[in-house]
C-alpha atoms as a PDB file:
ATOM      1  CA  MET A   1     102.382  90.411  -7.472  1.00  0.00           C
ATOM      2  CA  ARG A   2     102.476  86.957  -8.928  1.00  0.00           C
ATOM      3  CA  ILE A   3     101.959  85.992 -12.338  1.00  0.00           C
ATOM      4  CA  LYS A   4      99.187  83.615 -13.338  1.00  0.00           C
ATOM      5  CA  VAL A   5      99.258  82.275 -16.718  1.00  0.00           C
ATOM      6  CA  MET A   6      96.169  81.387 -18.162  1.00  0.00           C
ATOM      7  CA  LYS A   7      95.540  79.673 -21.541  1.00  0.00           C
ATOM      8  CA  PHE A   8      92.164  79.544 -22.824  1.00  0.00           C
ATOM      9  CA  GLY A   9      91.851  76.870 -25.772  1.00  0.00           C
ATOM     10  CA  GLY A  10      89.552  77.336 -29.149  1.00  0.00           C
ATOM     11  CA  THR A  11      86.138  76.229 -27.682  1.00  0.00           C
ATOM     12  CA  SER A  12      86.709  78.621 -24.485  1.00  0.00           C
ATOM     13  CA  VAL A  13      86.720  81.909 -26.614  1.00  0.00           C
ATOM     14  CA  ALA A  14      84.296  80.564 -29.385  1.00  0.00           C
ATOM     15  CA  THR A  15      80.818  82.445 -28.443  1.00  0.00           C
ATOM     16  CA  PRO A  16      80.491  85.481 -26.871  1.00  0.00           C
ATOM     17  CA  GLU A  17      79.193  83.766 -23.841  1.00  0.00           C
ATOM     18  CA  ALA A  18      82.409  81.563 -23.758  1.00  0.00           C
ATOM     19  CA  ARG A  19      84.441  84.533 -23.676  1.00  0.00           C
ATOM     20  CA  ASN A  20      82.485  86.159 -21.081  1.00  0.00           C
ATOM     21  CA  ARG A  21      83.181  83.172 -18.641  1.00  0.00           C
ATOM     22  CA  SER A  22      86.706  83.241 -19.828  1.00  0.00           C
ATOM     23  CA  ALA A  23      87.163  87.076 -19.132  1.00  0.00           C
ATOM     24  CA  LEU A  24      85.314  86.497 -15.791  1.00  0.00           C
ATOM     25  CA  ARG A  25      88.218  84.117 -14.696  1.00  0.00           C
ATOM     26  CA  VAL A  26      90.682  86.544 -15.759  1.00  0.00           C
ATOM     27  CA  ILE A  27      88.906  89.521 -13.822  1.00  0.00           C
ATOM     28  CA  SER A  28      88.668  87.127 -10.845  1.00  0.00           C
ATOM     29  CA  ALA A  29      92.372  86.397 -10.758  1.00  0.00           C
ATOM     30  CA  LYS A  30      93.421  89.856 -10.928  1.00  0.00           C
ATOM     31  CA  GLU A  31      90.886  90.627  -7.875  1.00  0.00           C
ATOM     32  CA  GLN A  32      92.745  88.080  -6.045  1.00  0.00           C
ATOM     33  CA  GLY A  33      95.893  89.571  -6.480  1.00  0.00           C
ATOM     34  CA  TYR A  34      97.702  87.898  -9.618  1.00  0.00           C
ATOM     35  CA  ARG A  35      98.792  89.312 -12.721  1.00  0.00           C
ATOM     36  CA  PRO A  36      97.217  87.263 -15.115  1.00  0.00           C
ATOM     37  CA  VAL A  37      98.904  86.792 -18.435  1.00  0.00           C
ATOM     38  CA  VAL A  38      96.661  85.466 -21.236  1.00  0.00           C
ATOM     39  CA  VAL A  39      97.218  83.195 -23.916  1.00  0.00           C
ATOM     40  CA  VAL A  40      94.192  82.445 -26.278  1.00  0.00           C
ATOM     41  CA  SER A  41      94.079  80.135 -29.366  1.00  0.00           C
ATOM     42  CA  ALA A  42      92.428  80.416 -32.503  1.00  0.00           C
ATOM     43  CA  ILE A  43      88.548  80.635 -32.120  1.00  0.00           C
ATOM     44  CA  GLY A  44      86.546  77.501 -32.148  1.00  0.00           C
ATOM     45  CA  ARG A  45      86.775  73.750 -33.038  1.00  0.00           C
ATOM     46  CA  ARG A  46      87.669  71.895 -36.286  1.00  0.00           C
ATOM     47  CA  GLY A  47      85.393  73.214 -38.936  1.00  0.00           C
ATOM     48  CA  ALA A  48      84.735  76.667 -37.433  1.00  0.00           C
ATOM     49  CA  PRO A  49      85.019  79.893 -39.751  1.00  0.00           C
ATOM     50  CA  TYR A  50      88.349  81.093 -37.839  1.00  0.00           C
ATOM     51  CA  ALA A  51      89.609  77.790 -36.698  1.00  0.00           C
ATOM     52  CA  THR A  52      93.252  76.947 -37.372  1.00  0.00           C
ATOM     53  CA  ASP A  53      92.372  74.031 -39.882  1.00  0.00           C
ATOM     54  CA  THR A  54      89.689  76.001 -41.603  1.00  0.00           C
ATOM     55  CA  LEU A  55      92.462  78.767 -42.466  1.00  0.00           C
ATOM     56  CA  ILE A  56      94.739  76.556 -43.657  1.00  0.00           C
ATOM     57  CA  ASN A  57      92.467  74.785 -45.995  1.00  0.00           C
ATOM     58  CA  LEU A  58      91.854  78.077 -47.461  1.00  0.00           C
ATOM     59  CA  LEU A  59      95.355  77.690 -48.713  1.00  0.00           C
ATOM     60  CA  ARG A  60      95.274  73.957 -49.504  1.00  0.00           C
ATOM     61  CA  GLU A  61      92.014  74.851 -51.815  1.00  0.00           C
ATOM     62  CA  ILE A  62      94.153  76.857 -54.179  1.00  0.00           C
ATOM     63  CA  ASP A  63      95.988  73.657 -55.321  1.00  0.00           C
ATOM     64  CA  PRO A  64      95.101  70.458 -53.547  1.00  0.00           C
ATOM     65  CA  ASN A  65      98.717  68.890 -55.100  1.00  0.00           C
ATOM     66  CA  VAL A  66     100.292  71.804 -53.670  1.00  0.00           C
ATOM     67  CA  GLU A  67     101.529  71.838 -50.030  1.00  0.00           C
ATOM     68  CA  PRO A  68     101.519  75.561 -48.682  1.00  0.00           C
ATOM     69  CA  ASP A  69     104.924  76.480 -47.638  1.00  0.00           C
ATOM     70  CA  ALA A  70     106.041  76.540 -44.023  1.00  0.00           C
ATOM     71  CA  ARG A  71     105.807  80.504 -43.831  1.00  0.00           C
ATOM     72  CA  GLU A  72     102.313  80.624 -45.373  1.00  0.00           C
ATOM     73  CA  LEU A  73     101.283  78.408 -42.754  1.00  0.00           C
ATOM     74  CA  ASP A  74     102.494  80.460 -39.805  1.00  0.00           C
ATOM     75  CA  LEU A  75     101.152  83.000 -41.559  1.00  0.00           C
ATOM     76  CA  MET A  76      97.901  81.556 -41.611  1.00  0.00           C
ATOM     77  CA  ILE A  77      98.002  80.093 -38.223  1.00  0.00           C
ATOM     78  CA  ALA A  78      99.103  83.678 -36.772  1.00  0.00           C
ATOM     79  CA  CYS A  79      95.814  85.117 -38.118  1.00  0.00           C
ATOM     80  CA  GLY A  80      93.446  82.918 -36.469  1.00  0.00           C
ATOM     81  CA  GLU A  81      95.398  83.102 -32.968  1.00  0.00           C
ATOM     82  CA  ILE A  82      95.750  87.419 -33.576  1.00  0.00           C
ATOM     83  CA  LEU A  83      91.785  87.536 -34.510  1.00  0.00           C
ATOM     84  CA  SER A  84      91.101  85.482 -31.236  1.00  0.00           C
ATOM     85  CA  ALA A  85      93.520  88.021 -29.119  1.00  0.00           C
ATOM     86  CA  VAL A  86      91.912  90.920 -30.507  1.00  0.00           C
ATOM     87  CA  ILE A  87      88.419  89.988 -29.951  1.00  0.00           C
ATOM     88  CA  PHE A  88      89.297  88.599 -26.346  1.00  0.00           C
ATOM     89  CA  ALA A  89      91.067  91.611 -25.269  1.00  0.00           C
ATOM     90  CA  HIS A  90      87.824  93.595 -26.527  1.00  0.00           C
ATOM     91  CA  THR A  91      85.777  91.327 -24.516  1.00  0.00           C
ATOM     92  CA  LEU A  92      87.698  92.383 -21.416  1.00  0.00           C
END
């Protein structure tokens, strides 16, 4: 079985309709004999509630004069992508 890597950006997983369209592409790939490997970005575009920039700004709002350390930024970025992955997996 051939592997097919399928990357979906934030707008592809931002709404139920967009997630359903993306899920249909994954299902179609599977029906064509591929083994899909799905990669999703955090949900939405700049300013959306779970978008990466929004999550990072939550840290920066605490004290605008202090840049969050790299570990905190990495964890916050991962949160958006984990949420997206869980929601997309449930859609499938």
